């Protein structure tokens, strides 16, 4: 992880300074400005300040703003507050982009309330408005699913346009930036800050693993592709992995995620008060762990879909299932498993393995500190500047916070993983709960 995270880190630093727009104008003089981008922002009970911040981030794009078309996809059940938000946002950003549309996703029988069904509704409406009414060719349009708290790097859509025009099969691709939970990193409690740091470095790492890269949280693809496969599914909670495998099997394995080596800044979990923040973080991880519910769909498609190279689909499917099934197990394997054999069997201590096990595990964990140090450096290099002047004690405590990892790993990985998997096993299905924002 640290090896590939280091590679991605330096690529992100390089591309953050490079704007593709001059190159687009030179290489694709008659085509680059014909590319349009739909950005669907599914939202439910998000504060208007969060949506203002997100739209402000989009307004700083170097790509022409007239080619960006925003669909704010609200939920009808949110009630009267939606109209007030729309009024504020239209007054401030109504003339900033090519279009700023809004929709109200109604509760529809058979749908699961959540991001996937809301994104699908907003995407269909955006397609009808831009393609069917305005007449933009669908082949020239990308579509982005953006979390309501996400902020794109200013070069994101110039980079996306360049990759769209230079990729051999743009309609068999999606694009993923490096999700970094740094928007409010200095405002959240220490356990959540440590978790956000590890998650952010993980997302940076995965950009350099093309064999493991899958849509996550905020991502882009072509509208033509989305229209061909029937948009996002409306009867699921985990929408990003589902969309990838729906695309992968629909295109007979000829579908890949292209990395965009730019940060996409998101919020770490924060609520009113320490314990409420802890609870919301637990609920978010439990919802992510519910992704195991997609394994039945993935395995079924693996068996029934023909025409995909055997090893390609086997490795893809196996790695996802492995990640899901080991989610509740990894913490125990790494943290406490070496203590168990002597406790379960007195004879074990008198074997050669029993005598050398403490030294071996100690050496492995000591060596892993090198990787932990690398993670700390990458995290520190990518965090935004502190909002206040920092003293010596603040700098000293930053690396020491990583001592919390064993505790954080149990309460915010193993335990919500066990919770989600057990609920699925017993048929106690989850409802989609939006992570509270402050």
Protein backbone atom coordinates (compact mmCIF):
# COMPACT_ATOMS: atom_id res chain seq x y z
CA UNK A 1 0.00 0.00 0.00
CA UNK A 2 2.71 2.48 0.94
CA UNK A 3 4.71 1.74 -2.22
CA UNK A 4 1.81 2.52 -4.55
CA UNK A 5 0.56 5.36 -2.34
CA UNK A 6 3.97 7.02 -2.71
CA UNK A 7 3.78 6.72 -6.51
CA UNK A 8 0.26 8.18 -6.54
CA UNK A 9 1.28 10.94 -4.14
CA UNK A 10 3.97 12.26 -6.47
CA UNK A 11 1.67 11.97 -9.51
CA UNK A 12 -1.01 13.95 -7.69
CA UNK A 13 1.50 16.66 -6.80
CA UNK A 14 2.58 16.88 -10.44
CA UNK A 15 -0.91 16.92 -11.99
CA UNK A 16 -2.17 19.42 -9.39
CA UNK A 17 0.21 21.93 -11.00
CA UNK A 18 -0.62 20.99 -14.59
CA UNK A 19 -3.67 22.31 -16.38
CA UNK A 20 -4.72 20.23 -19.40
CA UNK A 21 -6.74 23.09 -20.92
CA UNK A 22 -3.92 24.63 -23.06
CA UNK A 23 -3.09 21.15 -24.37
CA UNK A 24 -6.77 20.53 -25.18
CA UNK A 25 -6.95 23.77 -27.14
CA UNK A 26 -3.84 22.85 -29.11
CA UNK A 27 -4.47 19.15 -29.83
CA UNK A 28 -8.27 19.18 -30.11
CA UNK A 29 -8.92 22.66 -31.41
CA UNK A 30 -12.23 21.78 -33.06
CA UNK A 31 -13.53 19.28 -30.54
CA UNK A 32 -12.52 20.00 -26.95
CA UNK A 33 -15.20 22.67 -26.38
CA UNK A 34 -17.88 20.32 -27.75
CA UNK A 35 -17.50 18.11 -24.66
CA UNK A 36 -20.07 18.75 -21.96
CA UNK A 37 -20.22 17.48 -18.38
CA UNK A 38 -23.34 16.70 -16.34
CA UNK A 39 -22.74 16.71 -12.59
CA UNK A 40 -25.48 15.03 -10.55
CA UNK A 41 -25.40 15.95 -6.85
CA UNK A 42 -27.82 13.73 -4.87
CA UNK A 43 -28.72 15.48 -1.62
CA UNK A 44 -30.96 14.87 1.34
CA UNK A 45 -31.10 17.23 4.33
CA UNK A 46 -27.71 18.71 3.48
CA UNK A 47 -27.21 22.21 4.95
CA UNK A 48 -27.42 24.90 2.29
CA UNK A 49 -23.92 26.01 3.33
CA UNK A 50 -22.55 22.61 2.30
CA UNK A 51 -24.21 22.84 -1.11
CA UNK A 52 -22.92 26.41 -1.53
CA UNK A 53 -19.39 25.22 -0.79
CA UNK A 54 -19.73 22.37 -3.32
CA UNK A 55 -21.03 24.68 -6.07
CA UNK A 56 -18.33 27.23 -5.25
CA UNK A 57 -15.75 24.47 -5.83
CA UNK A 58 -17.31 23.71 -9.23
CA UNK A 59 -17.29 27.42 -10.12
CA UNK A 60 -13.47 27.41 -9.81
CA UNK A 61 -12.96 24.84 -12.56
CA UNK A 62 -10.53 25.85 -15.32
CA UNK A 63 -12.74 24.13 -17.91
CA UNK A 64 -15.37 26.51 -19.37
CA UNK A 65 -18.25 26.71 -16.91
CA UNK A 66 -20.81 26.96 -19.74
CA UNK A 67 -19.98 23.31 -20.47
CA UNK A 68 -20.82 22.22 -16.92
CA UNK A 69 -24.44 21.34 -16.25
CA UNK A 70 -25.42 20.79 -12.61
CA UNK A 71 -28.37 18.69 -11.43
CA UNK A 72 -29.12 19.15 -7.74
CA UNK A 73 -31.21 16.06 -7.03
CA UNK A 74 -33.20 16.62 -3.84
CA UNK A 75 -35.56 14.17 -2.14
CA UNK A 76 -39.24 15.10 -2.18
CA UNK A 77 -39.66 13.79 1.36
CA UNK A 78 -37.31 16.47 2.67
CA UNK A 79 -40.29 18.83 2.57
CA UNK A 80 -40.58 22.59 2.40
CA UNK A 81 -36.92 23.26 3.15
CA UNK A 82 -35.99 22.26 -0.40
CA UNK A 83 -37.67 25.28 -1.98
CA UNK A 84 -35.75 27.66 0.27
CA UNK A 85 -32.45 25.99 -0.61
CA UNK A 86 -33.24 26.11 -4.31
CA UNK A 87 -34.06 29.81 -4.07
CA UNK A 88 -30.76 30.61 -2.35
CA UNK A 89 -28.65 28.49 -4.69
CA UNK A 90 -30.33 29.70 -7.89
CA UNK A 91 -29.87 33.31 -6.82
CA UNK A 92 -26.16 32.75 -6.20
CA UNK A 93 -25.20 30.25 -8.93
CA UNK A 94 -28.07 30.29 -11.44
CA UNK A 95 -26.03 32.06 -14.11
CA UNK A 96 -22.62 30.58 -13.25
CA UNK A 97 -22.85 27.32 -15.20
CA UNK A 98 -24.33 26.15 -18.47
CA UNK A 99 -27.36 25.02 -16.46
CA UNK A 100 -28.23 24.65 -12.80
CA UNK A 101 -31.20 22.31 -12.60
CA UNK A 102 -32.99 20.91 -9.58
CA UNK A 103 -35.19 17.86 -9.16
CA UNK A 104 -37.26 16.33 -6.38
CA UNK A 105 -36.98 12.57 -6.27
CA UNK A 106 -40.34 11.14 -5.11
CA UNK A 107 -40.72 7.99 -3.03
CA UNK A 108 -41.39 5.29 -5.63
CA UNK A 109 -42.71 1.81 -4.82
CA UNK A 110 -39.99 -0.80 -5.25
CA UNK A 111 -37.11 1.62 -4.82
CA UNK A 112 -34.76 1.76 -1.86
CA UNK A 113 -34.44 5.27 -0.49
CA UNK A 114 -30.85 6.35 -0.90
CA UNK A 115 -28.11 7.72 -3.10
CA UNK A 116 -28.44 5.19 -5.93
CA UNK A 117 -32.15 5.75 -6.63
CA UNK A 118 -31.80 9.53 -6.22
CA UNK A 119 -28.80 9.67 -8.58
CA UNK A 120 -30.69 7.62 -11.15
CA UNK A 121 -33.66 9.99 -11.02
CA UNK A 122 -31.49 13.09 -11.34
CA UNK A 123 -29.42 11.58 -14.15
CA UNK A 124 -32.49 10.68 -16.22
CA UNK A 125 -33.87 14.19 -15.84
CA UNK A 126 -30.52 15.75 -16.76
CA UNK A 127 -30.29 13.58 -19.86
CA UNK A 128 -33.79 14.61 -20.92
CA UNK A 129 -32.97 18.30 -20.49
CA UNK A 130 -29.52 18.38 -22.10
CA UNK A 131 -29.84 15.72 -24.82
CA UNK A 132 -33.53 15.63 -25.67
CA UNK A 133 -34.31 19.33 -25.23
CA UNK A 134 -31.06 21.23 -25.86
CA UNK A 135 -29.82 18.74 -28.47
CA UNK A 136 -26.25 18.11 -27.28
CA UNK A 137 -25.02 14.79 -28.83
CA UNK A 138 -24.96 12.12 -26.14
CA UNK A 139 -21.54 10.94 -27.42
CA UNK A 140 -20.05 14.26 -26.26
CA UNK A 141 -21.28 14.16 -22.68
CA UNK A 142 -19.84 12.75 -19.47
CA UNK A 143 -21.80 12.34 -16.27
CA UNK A 144 -20.42 12.66 -12.76
CA UNK A 145 -21.95 11.46 -9.52
CA UNK A 146 -20.73 13.92 -6.91
CA UNK A 147 -21.31 13.59 -3.19
CA UNK A 148 -22.90 16.72 -1.78
CA UNK A 149 -19.85 17.49 0.37
CA UNK A 150 -17.23 16.83 -2.34
CA UNK A 151 -14.98 19.56 -3.73
CA UNK A 152 -13.18 18.93 -7.02
CA UNK A 153 -9.68 20.15 -7.74
CA UNK A 154 -9.90 23.12 -10.19
CA UNK A 155 -8.26 21.07 -12.97
CA UNK A 156 -10.58 18.04 -12.61
CA UNK A 157 -12.85 18.59 -15.63
CA UNK A 158 -9.98 19.68 -17.89
CA UNK A 159 -8.17 16.47 -16.90
CA UNK A 160 -11.38 14.44 -17.42
CA UNK A 161 -11.97 15.99 -20.85
CA UNK A 162 -8.39 15.24 -21.92
CA UNK A 163 -8.66 11.64 -20.76
CA UNK A 164 -12.08 11.27 -22.41
CA UNK A 165 -10.69 12.46 -25.75
CA UNK A 166 -7.46 10.46 -25.63
CA UNK A 167 -8.78 7.16 -24.22
CA UNK A 168 -9.21 4.46 -26.85
CA UNK A 169 -12.63 3.36 -25.58
CA UNK A 170 -14.15 6.30 -23.69
CA UNK A 171 -17.60 4.66 -23.57
CA UNK A 172 -16.13 1.65 -21.75
CA UNK A 173 -14.46 3.68 -19.04
CA UNK A 174 -15.15 5.52 -15.83
CA UNK A 175 -12.84 7.92 -14.03
CA UNK A 176 -11.91 8.15 -10.36
CA UNK A 177 -10.08 10.88 -8.46
CA UNK A 178 -8.39 10.45 -5.10
CA UNK A 179 -11.04 10.86 -2.40
CA UNK A 180 -9.44 12.75 0.50
CA UNK A 181 -11.40 13.31 3.70
CA UNK A 182 -9.70 16.60 4.46
CA UNK A 183 -12.37 19.31 4.18
CA UNK A 184 -12.82 19.45 7.96
CA UNK A 185 -9.90 17.30 9.12
CA UNK A 186 -8.83 19.77 11.82
CA UNK A 187 -12.32 20.07 13.29
CA UNK A 188 -13.13 16.40 13.97
CA UNK A 189 -12.21 14.34 17.06
CA UNK A 190 -8.84 12.57 17.08
CA UNK A 191 -10.20 9.00 16.44
CA UNK A 192 -12.10 10.19 13.37
CA UNK A 193 -9.10 12.23 12.24
CA UNK A 194 -6.88 9.12 12.33
CA UNK A 195 -9.47 7.08 10.45
CA UNK A 196 -9.87 9.83 7.83
CA UNK A 197 -6.08 9.91 7.38
CA UNK A 198 -5.85 6.15 6.76
CA UNK A 199 -8.86 6.17 4.44
CA UNK A 200 -7.44 9.08 2.44
CA UNK A 201 -4.06 7.40 1.94
CA UNK A 202 -5.87 4.20 0.96
CA UNK A 203 -7.77 6.11 -1.73
CA UNK A 204 -4.52 7.67 -2.96
CA UNK A 205 -2.90 4.22 -3.07
CA UNK A 206 -5.69 2.59 -5.04
CA UNK A 207 -5.27 5.04 -7.94
CA UNK A 208 -2.06 3.22 -8.92
CA UNK A 209 -3.68 -0.22 -8.71
CA UNK A 210 -5.54 -0.39 -11.99
CA UNK A 211 -6.41 -4.03 -11.26
CA UNK A 212 -8.17 -3.01 -8.01
CA UNK A 213 -9.55 0.42 -8.91
CA UNK A 214 -13.35 0.60 -8.63
CA UNK A 215 -15.76 3.55 -8.55
CA UNK A 216 -16.04 5.05 -5.09
CA UNK A 217 -18.10 7.92 -3.70
CA UNK A 218 -17.53 10.56 -6.42
CA UNK A 219 -16.68 9.50 -9.98
CA UNK A 220 -17.35 10.12 -13.69
CA UNK A 221 -18.27 8.09 -16.75
CA UNK A 222 -19.84 8.73 -20.17
CA UNK A 223 -23.55 9.49 -20.40
CA UNK A 224 -23.77 7.20 -23.42
CA UNK A 225 -22.54 4.28 -21.29
CA UNK A 226 -24.92 5.08 -18.44
CA UNK A 227 -27.84 5.27 -20.86
CA UNK A 228 -26.84 1.95 -22.48
CA UNK A 229 -26.79 0.01 -19.19
CA UNK A 230 -30.00 1.54 -17.82
CA UNK A 231 -28.58 4.02 -15.30
CA UNK A 232 -28.02 3.35 -11.60
CA UNK A 233 -30.02 0.56 -9.97
CA UNK A 234 -32.80 1.82 -7.70
CA UNK A 235 -33.17 -1.21 -5.43
CA UNK A 236 -29.74 -1.17 -3.74
CA UNK A 237 -27.87 0.82 -1.09
CA UNK A 238 -24.21 0.54 -2.28
CA UNK A 239 -24.35 2.38 -5.61
CA UNK A 240 -20.69 2.77 -6.59
CA UNK A 241 -19.49 -0.86 -6.59
CA UNK A 242 -22.84 -1.95 -8.04
CA UNK A 243 -22.45 0.47 -10.94
CA UNK A 244 -18.95 -0.79 -11.67
CA UNK A 245 -19.91 -4.47 -11.80
CA UNK A 246 -23.11 -3.71 -13.70
CA UNK A 247 -20.90 -1.93 -16.25
CA UNK A 248 -18.22 -4.63 -16.20
CA UNK A 249 -20.62 -7.47 -16.94
CA UNK A 250 -22.70 -5.45 -19.42
CA UNK A 251 -19.54 -4.73 -21.45
CA UNK A 252 -18.36 -8.37 -21.21
CA UNK A 253 -15.36 -7.43 -19.08
CA UNK A 254 -14.29 -4.62 -21.41
CA UNK A 255 -14.74 -1.90 -18.79
CA UNK A 256 -12.07 -0.22 -16.68
CA UNK A 257 -11.68 2.64 -14.25
CA UNK A 258 -9.13 5.26 -15.27
CA UNK A 259 -7.36 7.12 -12.45
CA UNK A 260 -7.46 10.88 -12.25
CA UNK A 261 -4.42 11.91 -10.23
CA UNK A 262 -6.11 14.82 -8.51
CA UNK A 263 -7.65 15.08 -5.04
CA UNK A 264 -11.40 15.14 -4.54
CA UNK A 265 -11.87 16.65 -1.10
CA UNK A 266 -14.67 15.29 1.09
CA UNK A 267 -15.84 15.74 4.68
CA UNK A 268 -14.74 13.48 7.48
CA UNK A 269 -17.67 12.57 9.74
CA UNK A 270 -18.52 15.44 12.06
CA UNK A 271 -21.58 16.08 14.17
CA UNK A 272 -22.64 18.09 17.20
CA UNK A 273 -20.55 16.68 20.01
CA UNK A 274 -17.96 13.95 20.43
CA UNK A 275 -20.24 10.96 21.00
CA UNK A 276 -22.67 11.91 18.25
CA UNK A 277 -19.73 12.13 15.85
CA UNK A 278 -18.58 8.68 16.98
CA UNK A 279 -22.05 7.25 16.44
CA UNK A 280 -22.36 8.75 12.96
CA UNK A 281 -18.92 7.44 12.00
CA UNK A 282 -19.95 3.95 13.11
CA UNK A 283 -23.16 4.16 11.07
CA UNK A 284 -21.25 5.31 7.96
CA UNK A 285 -18.79 2.40 8.16
CA UNK A 286 -21.66 -0.02 8.77
CA UNK A 287 -23.33 1.27 5.60
CA UNK A 288 -20.09 0.78 3.66
CA UNK A 289 -19.72 -2.74 5.08
CA UNK A 290 -23.24 -3.46 3.82
CA UNK A 291 -21.58 -3.63 0.40
CA UNK A 292 -21.27 -7.36 1.11
CA UNK A 293 -24.97 -7.54 0.15
CA UNK A 294 -23.87 -7.03 -3.47
CA UNK A 295 -21.79 -10.22 -3.49
CA UNK A 296 -24.78 -12.39 -4.42
CA UNK A 297 -25.42 -10.17 -7.46
CA UNK A 298 -21.71 -10.21 -8.40
CA UNK A 299 -21.43 -14.00 -8.10
CA UNK A 300 -24.63 -14.53 -10.10
CA UNK A 301 -23.34 -12.31 -12.92
CA UNK A 302 -19.96 -14.07 -12.74
CA UNK A 303 -21.65 -17.43 -13.35
CA UNK A 304 -24.21 -16.36 -15.96
CA UNK A 305 -22.30 -13.80 -18.04
CA UNK A 306 -20.47 -15.38 -20.95
CA UNK A 307 -17.72 -14.00 -23.12
CA UNK A 308 -15.47 -12.61 -20.39
CA UNK A 309 -11.91 -14.00 -20.07
CA UNK A 310 -12.01 -16.48 -17.18
CA UNK A 311 -9.02 -15.23 -15.20
CA UNK A 312 -9.91 -11.57 -15.64
CA UNK A 313 -13.38 -11.94 -14.17
CA UNK A 314 -12.22 -14.46 -11.55
CA UNK A 315 -9.54 -12.17 -10.14
CA UNK A 316 -11.86 -9.15 -10.21
CA UNK A 317 -14.69 -10.94 -8.43
CA UNK A 318 -12.49 -12.88 -6.00
CA UNK A 319 -10.68 -9.76 -4.75
CA UNK A 320 -13.92 -7.92 -4.02
CA UNK A 321 -15.45 -10.90 -2.23
CA UNK A 322 -12.22 -11.40 -0.30
CA UNK A 323 -12.27 -7.76 0.83
CA UNK A 324 -15.90 -8.00 1.90
CA UNK A 325 -15.59 -11.29 3.76
CA UNK A 326 -12.37 -10.35 5.54
CA UNK A 327 -13.65 -6.93 6.55
CA UNK A 328 -14.78 -8.07 10.05
CA UNK A 329 -11.83 -10.49 10.36
CA UNK A 330 -8.69 -8.49 9.53
CA UNK A 331 -8.52 -6.60 12.82
CA UNK A 332 -8.60 -9.80 14.85
CA UNK A 333 -6.04 -11.50 12.60
CA UNK A 334 -3.56 -8.64 12.86
CA UNK A 335 -4.12 -7.55 16.45
CA UNK A 336 -4.91 -10.54 18.66
CA UNK A 337 -4.47 -13.76 16.65
CA UNK A 338 -0.88 -14.35 17.81
CA UNK A 339 -2.09 -14.40 21.43
CA UNK A 340 -4.66 -17.11 20.89
CA UNK A 341 -2.67 -20.34 20.21
CA UNK A 342 -0.91 -20.34 23.64
CA UNK A 343 -4.22 -19.62 25.35
CA UNK A 344 -6.07 -22.39 23.51
CA UNK A 345 -3.38 -25.07 23.79
CA UNK A 346 -0.74 -25.30 26.55
CA UNK A 347 1.33 -27.70 24.44
CA UNK A 348 1.77 -25.04 21.77
CA UNK A 349 4.26 -23.12 23.90
CA UNK A 350 6.60 -26.13 23.94
CA UNK A 351 6.79 -26.36 20.13
CA UNK A 352 9.38 -24.60 17.97
CA UNK A 353 6.65 -22.48 16.39
CA UNK A 354 5.28 -21.59 19.82
CA UNK A 355 8.70 -20.43 21.06
CA UNK A 356 9.47 -18.33 17.97
CA UNK A 357 5.98 -16.89 17.37
CA UNK A 358 6.39 -13.87 19.72
CA UNK A 359 9.70 -12.90 18.08
CA UNK A 360 8.34 -13.35 14.55
CA UNK A 361 5.18 -11.33 15.15
CA UNK A 362 7.15 -8.63 16.96
CA UNK A 363 9.55 -8.34 14.01
CA UNK A 364 6.71 -8.13 11.48
CA UNK A 365 4.89 -5.45 13.44
CA UNK A 366 8.12 -3.49 13.96
CA UNK A 367 8.83 -3.57 10.23
CA UNK A 368 5.32 -2.33 9.58
CA UNK A 369 6.24 0.88 11.42
CA UNK A 370 8.23 1.85 8.32
CA UNK A 371 5.02 1.70 6.31
CA UNK A 372 3.15 3.57 9.03
CA UNK A 373 5.76 6.33 8.93
CA UNK A 374 5.31 6.60 5.14
CA UNK A 375 1.53 6.82 5.58
CA UNK A 376 2.01 9.60 8.11
CA UNK A 377 4.26 11.58 5.75
CA UNK A 378 1.84 11.23 2.80
CA UNK A 379 -1.10 12.20 5.00
CA UNK A 380 0.72 15.23 6.43
CA UNK A 381 1.79 16.37 2.97
CA UNK A 382 -1.75 16.28 1.61
CA UNK A 383 -3.65 17.79 4.54
CA UNK A 384 -4.71 21.43 4.18
CA UNK A 385 -3.07 23.99 6.44
CA UNK A 386 -4.41 24.23 9.98
CA UNK A 387 -7.01 26.97 10.42
CA UNK A 388 -5.20 28.27 13.52
CA UNK A 389 -1.57 28.93 14.32
CA UNK A 390 -0.12 25.64 15.60
CA UNK A 391 2.07 25.25 18.62
CA UNK A 392 4.76 22.66 19.36
CA UNK A 393 2.30 20.45 21.25
CA UNK A 394 -0.02 20.28 18.22
CA UNK A 395 2.80 19.08 15.96
CA UNK A 396 3.89 16.56 18.59
CA UNK A 397 0.42 15.09 18.98
CA UNK A 398 -0.22 14.61 15.26
CA UNK A 399 1.94 11.47 14.84
CA UNK A 400 1.07 10.24 18.33
CA UNK A 401 -2.62 10.14 17.35
CA UNK A 402 -1.83 7.07 15.26
CA UNK A 403 -1.45 5.15 18.54
CA UNK A 404 -5.25 5.11 18.47
CA UNK A 405 -5.27 2.84 15.40
CA UNK A 406 -5.91 -0.47 17.24
CA UNK A 407 -8.91 1.04 19.03
CA UNK A 408 -10.14 2.85 15.93
CA UNK A 409 -9.73 -0.36 13.90
CA UNK A 410 -11.95 -2.30 16.26
CA UNK A 411 -14.77 0.23 16.71
CA UNK A 412 -14.73 1.66 13.16
CA UNK A 413 -13.89 -1.39 11.07
CA UNK A 414 -14.30 -4.78 12.73
CA UNK A 415 -17.38 -4.03 14.84
CA UNK A 416 -19.51 -2.27 12.17
CA UNK A 417 -18.41 -5.00 9.73
CA UNK A 418 -19.68 -7.71 12.08
CA UNK A 419 -22.85 -5.67 12.64
CA UNK A 420 -23.60 -5.28 8.92
CA UNK A 421 -22.78 -8.89 8.02
CA UNK A 422 -24.85 -10.27 10.91
CA UNK A 423 -27.82 -8.10 9.98
CA UNK A 424 -27.62 -9.37 6.41
CA UNK A 425 -27.37 -12.97 7.60
CA UNK A 426 -30.47 -12.57 9.78
CA UNK A 427 -32.45 -10.58 7.20
CA UNK A 428 -32.42 -7.38 9.30
CA UNK A 429 -31.89 -5.11 6.33
CA UNK A 430 -30.40 -1.64 6.60
CA UNK A 431 -32.05 1.59 5.60
CA UNK A 432 -29.90 4.22 3.91
CA UNK A 433 -29.01 6.87 6.50
CA UNK A 434 -27.34 10.03 5.25
CA UNK A 435 -24.28 10.90 7.32
CA UNK A 436 -25.12 14.02 9.33
CA UNK A 437 -23.32 17.24 8.36
CA UNK A 438 -22.67 20.32 10.49
